Amino acid sequence: MLASPDQCLNMALFNRNHPSARHSEVSWSNPDLERFPQFASAMGNEVILEAGDALYLPNNWFHHIISLELNFQCNTRSGWGDEYMQEIRECGFDTKPS
């Protein structure tokens, strides 16, 4: 599942001082909408990958992975852009590395 940074205010993020800052506090597989009612308004995209597929995520996109079988994940940063920074700042985060 993918969600654009413009969904930031719906994601119920941990606060910036939390060890998991910038991550959603919501269990996407079983969201508690009484505790996180804003999550009901979140818009996202379902992406199904098959063997050999790769997925590129731009900076600051939210994602939740559900694996049906054994899989491997490799993350790397390929640079930094200013796309989506306004949305992230509106959520109280400035993620640009120092």
PDB file of N, CA and C in Angstrom:
ATOM      1  N   MET A   1       0.849  -1.161   0.000  1.00  0.00           N
ATOM      2  CA  MET A   1       0.000   0.000   0.000  1.00  0.00           C
ATOM      3  C   MET A   1       0.896   1.226   0.000  1.00  0.00           C
ATOM      4  N   LEU A   2       0.558   2.187  -0.822  1.00  0.00           N
ATOM      5  CA  LEU A   2       1.321   3.429  -0.935  1.00  0.00           C
ATOM      6  C   LEU A   2       0.412   4.614  -0.684  1.00  0.00           C
ATOM      7  N   ALA A   3       0.938   5.631  -0.033  1.00  0.00           N
ATOM      8  CA  ALA A   3       0.194   6.867   0.166  1.00  0.00           C
ATOM      9  C   ALA A   3       1.133   8.047  -0.062  1.00  0.00           C
ATOM     10  N   SER A   4       0.641   8.998  -0.797  1.00  0.00           N
ATOM     11  CA  SER A   4       1.395  10.202  -1.110  1.00  0.00           C
ATOM     12  C   SER A   4       1.619  11.025   0.156  1.00  0.00           C
ATOM     13  N   PRO A   5       2.678  11.819   0.179  1.00  0.00           N
ATOM     14  CA  PRO A   5       2.891  12.710   1.320  1.00  0.00           C
ATOM     15  C   PRO A   5       1.742  13.685   1.558  1.00  0.00           C
ATOM     16  N   ASP A   6       0.899  13.928   0.544  1.00  0.00           N
ATOM     17  CA  ASP A   6      -0.241  14.819   0.787  1.00  0.00           C
ATOM     18  C   ASP A   6      -1.279  14.193   1.715  1.00  0.00           C
ATOM     19  N   GLN A   7      -1.078  12.932   2.090  1.00  0.00           N
ATOM     20  CA  GLN A   7      -1.944  12.239   3.045  1.00  0.00           C
ATOM     21  C   GLN A   7      -1.389  12.300   4.471  1.00  0.00           C
ATOM     22  N   CYS A   8      -0.326  13.040   4.652  1.00  0.00           N
ATOM     23  CA  CYS A   8       0.392  13.092   5.923  1.00  0.00           C
ATOM     24  C   CYS A   8      -0.520  13.344   7.118  1.00  0.00           C
ATOM     25  N   LEU A   9      -1.411  14.296   7.016  1.00  0.00           N
ATOM     26  CA  LEU A   9      -2.269  14.628   8.151  1.00  0.00           C
ATOM     27  C   LEU A   9      -3.256  13.515   8.488  1.00  0.00           C
ATOM     28  N   ASN A  10      -3.498  12.604   7.562  1.00  0.00           N
ATOM     29  CA  ASN A  10      -4.401  11.473   7.815  1.00  0.00           C
ATOM     30  C   ASN A  10      -3.681  10.248   8.369  1.00  0.00           C
ATOM     31  N   MET A  11      -2.359  10.274   8.408  1.00  0.00           N
ATOM     32  CA  MET A  11      -1.573   9.086   8.743  1.00  0.00           C
ATOM     33  C   MET A  11      -1.350   8.857  10.231  1.00  0.00           C
ATOM     34  N   ALA A  12      -1.714   9.810  11.091  1.00  0.00           N
ATOM     35  CA  ALA A  12      -1.515   9.680  12.538  1.00  0.00           C
ATOM     36  C   ALA A  12      -0.063   9.294  12.843  1.00  0.00           C
ATOM     37  N   LEU A  13       0.838  10.175  12.465  1.00  0.00           N
ATOM     38  CA  LEU A  13       2.257   9.902  12.644  1.00  0.00           C
ATOM     39  C   LEU A  13       2.671  10.041  14.111  1.00  0.00           C
ATOM     40  N   PHE A  14       3.646   9.232  14.500  1.00  0.00           N
ATOM     41  CA  PHE A  14       4.282   9.435  15.795  1.00  0.00           C
ATOM     42  C   PHE A  14       4.891  10.838  15.778  1.00  0.00           C
ATOM     43  N   ASN A  15       4.995  11.467  16.932  1.00  0.00           N
ATOM     44  CA  ASN A  15       5.537  12.827  16.951  1.00  0.00           C
ATOM     45  C   ASN A  15       7.042  12.823  16.669  1.00  0.00           C
ATOM     46  N   ARG A  16       7.557  13.987  16.383  1.00  0.00           N
ATOM     47  CA  ARG A  16       8.946  14.100  15.921  1.00  0.00           C
ATOM     48  C   ARG A  16       9.977  13.686  16.953  1.00  0.00           C
ATOM     49  N   ASN A  17       9.620  13.603  18.240  1.00  0.00           N
ATOM     50  CA  ASN A  17      10.557  13.176  19.275  1.00  0.00           C
ATOM     51  C   ASN A  17      10.499  11.677  19.548  1.00  0.00           C
ATOM     52  N   HIS A  18       9.585  10.981  18.927  1.00  0.00           N
ATOM     53  CA  HIS A  18       9.423   9.537  19.122  1.00  0.00           C
ATOM     54  C   HIS A  18      10.477   8.790  18.295  1.00  0.00           C
ATOM     55  N   PRO A  19      10.980   7.646  18.800  1.00  0.00           N
ATOM     56  CA  PRO A  19      11.962   6.869  18.015  1.00  0.00           C
ATOM     57  C   PRO A  19      11.450   6.448  16.630  1.00  0.00           C
ATOM     58  N   SER A  20      10.136   6.341  16.476  1.00  0.00           N
ATOM     59  CA  SER A  20       9.565   5.982  15.167  1.00  0.00           C
ATOM     60  C   SER A  20       8.960   7.189  14.460  1.00  0.00           C
ATOM     61  N   ALA A  21       9.491   8.366  14.752  1.00  0.00           N
ATOM     62  CA  ALA A  21       8.981   9.587  14.129  1.00  0.00           C
ATOM     63  C   ALA A  21       8.900   9.427  12.615  1.00  0.00           C
ATOM     64  N   ARG A  22       7.885  10.041  12.020  1.00  0.00           N
ATOM     65  CA  ARG A  22       7.586  10.002  10.595  1.00  0.00           C
ATOM     66  C   ARG A  22       6.987   8.669  10.161  1.00  0.00           C
ATOM     67  N   HIS A  23       6.704   7.769  11.090  1.00  0.00           N
ATOM     68  CA  HIS A  23       6.010   6.527  10.783  1.00  0.00           C
ATOM     69  C   HIS A  23       4.599   6.613  11.345  1.00  0.00           C
ATOM     70  N   SER A  24       3.677   5.955  10.692  1.00  0.00           N
ATOM     71  CA  SER A  24       2.293   5.952  11.139  1.00  0.00           C
ATOM     72  C   SER A  24       2.137   5.088  12.380  1.00  0.00           C
ATOM     73  N   GLU A  25       1.378   5.600  13.320  1.00  0.00           N
ATOM     74  CA  GLU A  25       1.069   4.852  14.537  1.00  0.00           C
ATOM     75  C   GLU A  25      -0.045   3.830  14.286  1.00  0.00           C
ATOM     76  N   VAL A  26      -0.679   3.915  13.137  1.00  0.00           N
ATOM     77  CA  VAL A  26      -1.826   3.076  12.786  1.00  0.00           C
ATOM     78  C   VAL A  26      -1.372   1.723  12.251  1.00  0.00           C
ATOM     79  N   SER A  27      -2.030   0.675  12.673  1.00  0.00           N
ATOM     80  CA  SER A  27      -1.832  -0.636  12.052  1.00  0.00           C
ATOM     81  C   SER A  27      -2.657  -0.643  10.775  1.00  0.00           C
ATOM     82  N   TRP A  28      -2.013  -0.535   9.638  1.00  0.00           N
ATOM     83  CA  TRP A  28      -2.735  -0.436   8.377  1.00  0.00           C
ATOM     84  C   TRP A  28      -3.545  -1.688   8.084  1.00  0.00           C
ATOM     85  N   SER A  29      -3.121  -2.827   8.589  1.00  0.00           N
ATOM     86  CA  SER A  29      -3.856  -4.067   8.349  1.00  0.00           C
ATOM     87  C   SER A  29      -5.124  -4.163   9.187  1.00  0.00           C
ATOM     88  N   ASN A  30      -5.153  -3.451  10.313  1.00  0.00           N
ATOM     89  CA  ASN A  30      -6.304  -3.491  11.210  1.00  0.00           C
ATOM     90  C   ASN A  30      -6.405  -2.138  11.925  1.00  0.00           C
ATOM     91  N   PRO A  31      -6.773  -1.085  11.196  1.00  0.00           N
ATOM     92  CA  PRO A  31      -6.757   0.254  11.788  1.00  0.00           C
ATOM     93  C   PRO A  31      -7.811   0.426  12.881  1.00  0.00           C
ATOM     94  N   ASP A  32      -7.416   1.066  13.963  1.00  0.00           N
ATOM     95  CA  ASP A  32      -8.325   1.409  15.055  1.00  0.00           C
ATOM     96  C   ASP A  32      -8.872   2.801  14.747  1.00  0.00           C
ATOM     97  N   LEU A  33     -10.032   2.843  14.087  1.00  0.00           N
ATOM     98  CA  LEU A  33     -10.587   4.122  13.636  1.00  0.00           C
ATOM     99  C   LEU A  33     -11.212   4.930  14.764  1.00  0.00           C
ATOM    100  N   GLU A  34     -11.443   4.312  15.902  1.00  0.00           N
ATOM    101  CA  GLU A  34     -11.891   5.095  17.058  1.00  0.00           C
ATOM    102  C   GLU A  34     -10.722   5.911  17.599  1.00  0.00           C
ATOM    103  N   ARG A  35      -9.559   5.315  17.645  1.00  0.00           N
ATOM    104  CA  ARG A  35      -8.366   6.004  18.139  1.00  0.00           C
ATOM    105  C   ARG A  35      -7.777   6.936  17.079  1.00  0.00           C
ATOM    106  N   PHE A  36      -7.863   6.536  15.813  1.00  0.00           N
ATOM    107  CA  PHE A  36      -7.274   7.306  14.711  1.00  0.00           C
ATOM    108  C   PHE A  36      -8.338   7.588  13.640  1.00  0.00           C
ATOM    109  N   PRO A  37      -9.346   8.386  13.950  1.00  0.00           N
ATOM    110  CA  PRO A  37     -10.441   8.603  12.987  1.00  0.00           C
ATOM    111  C   PRO A  37      -9.993   9.234  11.674  1.00  0.00           C
ATOM    112  N   GLN A  38      -8.921  10.028  11.695  1.00  0.00           N
ATOM    113  CA  GLN A  38      -8.441  10.672  10.473  1.00  0.00           C
ATOM    114  C   GLN A  38      -7.946   9.656   9.448  1.00  0.00           C
ATOM    115  N   PHE A  39      -7.569   8.461   9.899  1.00  0.00           N
ATOM    116  CA  PHE A  39      -7.062   7.443   8.980  1.00  0.00           C
ATOM    117  C   PHE A  39      -8.149   6.970   8.012  1.00  0.00           C
ATOM    118  N   ALA A  40      -9.399   7.079   8.413  1.00  0.00           N
ATOM    119  CA  ALA A  40     -10.513   6.686   7.532  1.00  0.00           C
ATOM    120  C   ALA A  40     -10.552   7.552   6.270  1.00  0.00           C
ATOM    121  N   SER A  41      -9.980   8.747   6.340  1.00  0.00           N
ATOM    122  CA  SER A  41      -9.961   9.653   5.187  1.00  0.00           C
ATOM    123  C   SER A  41      -8.711   9.497   4.326  1.00  0.00           C
ATOM    124  N   ALA A  42      -7.781   8.665   4.757  1.00  0.00           N
ATOM    125  CA  ALA A  42      -6.529   8.491   4.005  1.00  0.00           C
ATOM    126  C   ALA A  42      -6.795   7.848   2.650  1.00  0.00           C
ATOM    127  N   MET A  43      -6.126   8.354   1.648  1.00  0.00           N
ATOM    128  CA  MET A  43      -6.221   7.811   0.296  1.00  0.00           C
ATOM    129  C   MET A  43      -4.884   7.174  -0.041  1.00  0.00           C
ATOM    130  N   GLY A  44      -4.937   6.027  -0.682  1.00  0.00           N
ATOM    131  CA  GLY A  44      -3.703   5.339  -1.043  1.00  0.00           C
ATOM    132  C   GLY A  44      -3.870   4.533  -2.313  1.00  0.00           C
ATOM    133  N   ASN A  45      -2.822   3.815  -2.638  1.00  0.00           N
ATOM    134  CA  ASN A  45      -2.795   2.977  -3.834  1.00  0.00           C
ATOM    135  C   ASN A  45      -2.354   1.581  -3.440  1.00  0.00           C
ATOM    136  N   GLU A  46      -3.047   0.593  -3.959  1.00  0.00           N
ATOM    137  CA  GLU A  46      -2.625  -0.786  -3.760  1.00  0.00           C
ATOM    138  C   GLU A  46      -1.757  -1.184  -4.943  1.00  0.00           C
ATOM    139  N   VAL A  47      -0.599  -1.724  -4.648  1.00  0.00           N
ATOM    140  CA  VAL A  47       0.332  -2.167  -5.682  1.00  0.00           C
ATOM    141  C   VAL A  47       0.656  -3.626  -5.402  1.00  0.00           C
ATOM    142  N   ILE A  48       0.506  -4.458  -6.398  1.00  0.00           N
ATOM    143  CA  ILE A  48       0.831  -5.876  -6.254  1.00  0.00           C
ATOM    144  C   ILE A  48       2.060  -6.161  -7.101  1.00  0.00           C
ATOM    145  N   LEU A  49       3.110  -6.622  -6.432  1.00  0.00           N
ATOM    146  CA  LEU A  49       4.349  -6.956  -7.132  1.00  0.00           C
ATOM    147  C   LEU A  49       4.455  -8.461  -7.289  1.00  0.00           C
ATOM    148  N   GLU A  50       5.033  -8.871  -8.374  1.00  0.00           N
ATOM    149  CA  GLU A  50       5.268 -10.293  -8.627  1.00  0.00           C
ATOM    150  C   GLU A  50       6.769 -10.547  -8.658  1.00  0.00           C
ATOM    151  N   ALA A  51       7.134 -11.797  -8.656  1.00  0.00           N
ATOM    152  CA  ALA A  51       8.549 -12.177  -8.648  1.00  0.00           C
ATOM    153  C   ALA A  51       9.314 -11.401  -9.711  1.00  0.00           C
ATOM    154  N   GLY A  52      10.428 -10.805  -9.304  1.00  0.00           N
ATOM    155  CA  GLY A  52      11.273 -10.048 -10.221  1.00  0.00           C
ATOM    156  C   GLY A  52      10.916  -8.581 -10.339  1.00  0.00           C
ATOM    157  N   ASP A  53       9.786  -8.174  -9.792  1.00  0.00           N
ATOM    158  CA  ASP A  53       9.382  -6.773  -9.862  1.00  0.00           C
ATOM    159  C   ASP A  53      10.191  -5.928  -8.888  1.00  0.00           C
ATOM    160  N   ALA A  54      10.312  -4.668  -9.202  1.00  0.00           N
ATOM    161  CA  ALA A  54      10.941  -3.690  -8.316  1.00  0.00           C
ATOM    162  C   ALA A  54      10.016  -2.485  -8.240  1.00  0.00           C
ATOM    163  N   LEU A  55      10.091  -1.779  -7.150  1.00  0.00           N
ATOM    164  CA  LEU A  55       9.249  -0.609  -6.949  1.00  0.00           C
ATOM    165  C   LEU A  55      10.117   0.546  -6.480  1.00  0.00           C
ATOM    166  N   TYR A  56      10.009   1.668  -7.155  1.00  0.00           N
ATOM    167  CA  TYR A  56      10.702   2.888  -6.753  1.00  0.00           C
ATOM    168  C   TYR A  56       9.721   3.769  -5.991  1.00  0.00           C
ATOM    169  N   LEU A  57      10.129   4.231  -4.820  1.00  0.00           N
ATOM    170  CA  LEU A  57       9.307   5.163  -4.040  1.00  0.00           C
ATOM    171  C   LEU A  57      10.038   6.495  -3.941  1.00  0.00           C
ATOM    172  N   PRO A  58       9.396   7.574  -4.323  1.00  0.00           N
ATOM    173  CA  PRO A  58      10.019   8.885  -4.116  1.00  0.00           C
ATOM    174  C   PRO A  58      10.164   9.177  -2.621  1.00  0.00           C
ATOM    175  N   ASN A  59      10.983  10.157  -2.280  1.00  0.00           N
ATOM    176  CA  ASN A  59      11.145  10.567  -0.893  1.00  0.00           C
ATOM    177  C   ASN A  59       9.806  10.847  -0.232  1.00  0.00           C
ATOM    178  N   ASN A  60       9.699  10.454   1.014  1.00  0.00           N
ATOM    179  CA  ASN A  60       8.593  10.792   1.895  1.00  0.00           C
ATOM    180  C   ASN A  60       7.265  10.110   1.596  1.00  0.00           C
ATOM    181  N   TRP A  61       7.217   9.144   0.692  1.00  0.00           N
ATOM    182  CA  TRP A  61       5.982   8.404   0.461  1.00  0.00           C
ATOM    183  C   TRP A  61       5.802   7.378   1.577  1.00  0.00           C
ATOM    184  N   PHE A  62       4.565   7.220   2.010  1.00  0.00           N
ATOM    185  CA  PHE A  62       4.230   6.238   3.034  1.00  0.00           C
ATOM    186  C   PHE A  62       4.000   4.893   2.371  1.00  0.00           C
ATOM    187  N   HIS A  63       4.400   3.817   3.049  1.00  0.00           N
ATOM    188  CA  HIS A  63       4.187   2.493   2.479  1.00  0.00           C
ATOM    189  C   HIS A  63       3.981   1.465   3.579  1.00  0.00           C
ATOM    190  N   HIS A  64       3.192   0.473   3.243  1.00  0.00           N
ATOM    191  CA  HIS A  64       2.902  -0.654   4.135  1.00  0.00           C
ATOM    192  C   HIS A  64       3.020  -1.911   3.279  1.00  0.00           C
ATOM    193  N   ILE A  65       3.799  -2.869   3.757  1.00  0.00           N
ATOM    194  CA  ILE A  65       4.095  -4.064   2.965  1.00  0.00           C
ATOM    195  C   ILE A  65       3.395  -5.271   3.567  1.00  0.00           C
ATOM    196  N   ILE A  66       2.737  -6.030   2.734  1.00  0.00           N
ATOM    197  CA  ILE A  66       2.143  -7.305   3.129  1.00  0.00           C
ATOM    198  C   ILE A  66       2.781  -8.365   2.243  1.00  0.00           C
ATOM    199  N   SER A  67       3.480  -9.302   2.853  1.00  0.00           N
ATOM    200  CA  SER A  67       4.153 -10.359   2.099  1.00  0.00           C
ATOM    201  C   SER A  67       3.366 -11.651   2.202  1.00  0.00           C
ATOM    202  N   LEU A  68       3.053 -12.230   1.074  1.00  0.00           N
ATOM    203  CA  LEU A  68       2.326 -13.498   1.064  1.00  0.00           C
ATOM    204  C   LEU A  68       3.271 -14.684   1.107  1.00  0.00           C
ATOM    205  N   GLU A  69       4.515 -14.475   0.715  1.00  0.00           N
ATOM    206  CA  GLU A  69       5.546 -15.517   0.720  1.00  0.00           C
ATOM    207  C   GLU A  69       6.862 -14.878   1.137  1.00  0.00           C
ATOM    208  N   LEU A  70       7.889 -15.677   1.229  1.00  0.00           N
ATOM    209  CA  LEU A  70       9.217 -15.175   1.533  1.00  0.00           C
ATOM    210  C   LEU A  70       9.622 -14.146   0.487  1.00  0.00           C
ATOM    211  N   ASN A  71      10.161 -13.032   0.947  1.00  0.00           N
ATOM    212  CA  ASN A  71      10.652 -12.023   0.013  1.00  0.00           C
ATOM    213  C   ASN A  71      11.834 -11.318   0.634  1.00  0.00           C
ATOM    214  N   PHE A  72      12.521 -10.550  -0.159  1.00  0.00           N
ATOM    215  CA  PHE A  72      13.664  -9.785   0.300  1.00  0.00           C
ATOM    216  C   PHE A  72      13.453  -8.343  -0.083  1.00  0.00           C
ATOM    217  N   GLN A  73      13.902  -7.472   0.774  1.00  0.00           N
ATOM    218  CA  GLN A  73      13.730  -6.048   0.557  1.00  0.00           C
ATOM    219  C   GLN A  73      15.090  -5.373   0.666  1.00  0.00           C
ATOM    220  N   CYS A  74      15.360  -4.459  -0.215  1.00  0.00           N
ATOM    221  CA  CYS A  74      16.605  -3.710  -0.188  1.00  0.00           C
ATOM    222  C   CYS A  74      16.259  -2.236  -0.322  1.00  0.00           C
ATOM    223  N   ASN A  75      16.723  -1.436   0.597  1.00  0.00           N
ATOM    224  CA  ASN A  75      16.457  -0.001   0.566  1.00  0.00           C
ATOM    225  C   ASN A  75      17.745   0.755   0.317  1.00  0.00           C
ATOM    226  N   THR A  76      17.640   1.806  -0.438  1.00  0.00           N
ATOM    227  CA  THR A  76      18.775   2.693  -0.644  1.00  0.00           C
ATOM    228  C   THR A  76      18.243   4.085  -0.920  1.00  0.00           C
ATOM    229  N   ARG A  77      19.012   5.068  -0.628  1.00  0.00           N
ATOM    230  CA  ARG A  77      18.658   6.451  -0.949  1.00  0.00           C
ATOM    231  C   ARG A  77      19.351   6.808  -2.255  1.00  0.00           C
ATOM    232  N   SER A  78      18.606   7.401  -3.166  1.00  0.00           N
ATOM    233  CA  SER A  78      19.190   7.734  -4.466  1.00  0.00           C
ATOM    234  C   SER A  78      19.291   9.237  -4.662  1.00  0.00           C
ATOM    235  N   GLY A  79      19.407   9.960  -3.577  1.00  0.00           N
ATOM    236  CA  GLY A  79      19.478  11.406  -3.673  1.00  0.00           C
ATOM    237  C   GLY A  79      18.353  12.037  -2.885  1.00  0.00           C
ATOM    238  N   TRP A  80      18.286  13.319  -2.930  1.00  0.00           N
ATOM    239  CA  TRP A  80      17.283  14.042  -2.155  1.00  0.00           C
ATOM    240  C   TRP A  80      16.669  15.098  -3.036  1.00  0.00           C
ATOM    241  N   GLY A  81      15.366  15.172  -3.023  1.00  0.00           N
ATOM    242  CA  GLY A  81      14.668  16.192  -3.782  1.00  0.00           C
ATOM    243  C   GLY A  81      13.741  16.969  -2.872  1.00  0.00           C
ATOM    244  N   ASP A  82      13.262  18.073  -3.341  1.00  0.00           N
ATOM    245  CA  ASP A  82      12.357  18.899  -2.547  1.00  0.00           C
ATOM    246  C   ASP A  82      10.885  18.609  -2.837  1.00  0.00           C
ATOM    247  N   GLU A  83      10.617  17.626  -3.703  1.00  0.00           N
ATOM    248  CA  GLU A  83       9.237  17.264  -3.967  1.00  0.00           C
ATOM    249  C   GLU A  83       8.582  16.828  -2.669  1.00  0.00           C
ATOM    250  N   TYR A  84       7.378  17.227  -2.467  1.00  0.00           N
ATOM    251  CA  TYR A  84       6.547  16.818  -1.323  1.00  0.00           C
ATOM    252  C   TYR A  84       6.983  17.421   0.008  1.00  0.00           C
ATOM    253  N   MET A  85       7.965  18.295   0.037  1.00  0.00           N
ATOM    254  CA  MET A  85       8.429  18.840   1.317  1.00  0.00           C
ATOM    255  C   MET A  85       7.377  19.713   1.984  1.00  0.00           C
ATOM    256  N   GLN A  86       6.574  20.437   1.206  1.00  0.00           N
ATOM    257  CA  GLN A  86       5.541  21.279   1.807  1.00  0.00           C
ATOM    258  C   GLN A  86       4.569  20.435   2.625  1.00  0.00           C
ATOM    259  N   GLU A  87       4.156  19.289   2.081  1.00  0.00           N
ATOM    260  CA  GLU A  87       3.236  18.422   2.807  1.00  0.00           C
ATOM    261  C   GLU A  87       3.856  17.899   4.096  1.00  0.00           C
ATOM    262  N   ILE A  88       5.129  17.535   4.035  1.00  0.00           N
ATOM    263  CA  ILE A  88       5.817  17.007   5.212  1.00  0.00           C
ATOM    264  C   ILE A  88       5.988  18.092   6.263  1.00  0.00           C
ATOM    265  N   ARG A  89       6.305  19.304   5.848  1.00  0.00           N
ATOM    266  CA  ARG A  89       6.422  20.409   6.809  1.00  0.00           C
ATOM    267  C   ARG A  89       5.083  20.712   7.464  1.00  0.00           C
ATOM    268  N   GLU A  90       3.983  20.596   6.710  1.00  0.00           N
ATOM    269  CA  GLU A  90       2.659  20.833   7.288  1.00  0.00           C
ATOM    270  C   GLU A  90       2.342  19.831   8.399  1.00  0.00           C
ATOM    271  N   CYS A  91       2.978  18.676   8.359  1.00  0.00           N
ATOM    272  CA  CYS A  91       2.801  17.671   9.411  1.00  0.00           C
ATOM    273  C   CYS A  91       3.764  17.891  10.574  1.00  0.00           C
ATOM    274  N   GLY A  92       4.636  18.878  10.483  1.00  0.00           N
ATOM    275  CA  GLY A  92       5.553  19.175  11.567  1.00  0.00           C
ATOM    276  C   GLY A  92       6.917  18.541  11.438  1.00  0.00           C
ATOM    277  N   PHE A  93       7.257  18.064  10.239  1.00  0.00           N
ATOM    278  CA  PHE A  93       8.548  17.421  10.032  1.00  0.00           C
ATOM    279  C   PHE A  93       9.304  18.140   8.930  1.00  0.00           C
ATOM    280  N   ASP A  94      10.584  18.330   9.140  1.00  0.00           N
ATOM    281  CA  ASP A  94      11.460  18.786   8.078  1.00  0.00           C
ATOM    282  C   ASP A  94      12.504  17.690   7.965  1.00  0.00           C
ATOM    283  N   THR A  95      12.428  16.900   6.914  1.00  0.00           N
ATOM    284  CA  THR A  95      13.208  15.670   6.815  1.00  0.00           C
ATOM    285  C   THR A  95      14.504  15.834   6.059  1.00  0.00           C
ATOM    286  N   LYS A  96      14.822  17.027   5.619  1.00  0.00           N
ATOM    287  CA  LYS A  96      16.036  17.187   4.827  1.00  0.00           C
ATOM    288  C   LYS A  96      17.263  16.906   5.694  1.00  0.00           C
ATOM    289  N   PRO A  97      18.162  16.059   5.226  1.00  0.00           N
ATOM    290  CA  PRO A  97      19.350  15.747   6.025  1.00  0.00           C
ATOM    291  C   PRO A  97      20.246  16.970   6.207  1.00  0.00           C
ATOM    292  N   SER A  98      20.923  17.024   7.346  1.00  0.00           N
ATOM    293  CA  SER A  98      21.810  18.167   7.591  1.00  0.00           C
ATOM    294  C   SER A  98      23.212  17.884   7.121  1.00  0.00           C
TER     295      SER A  98
END
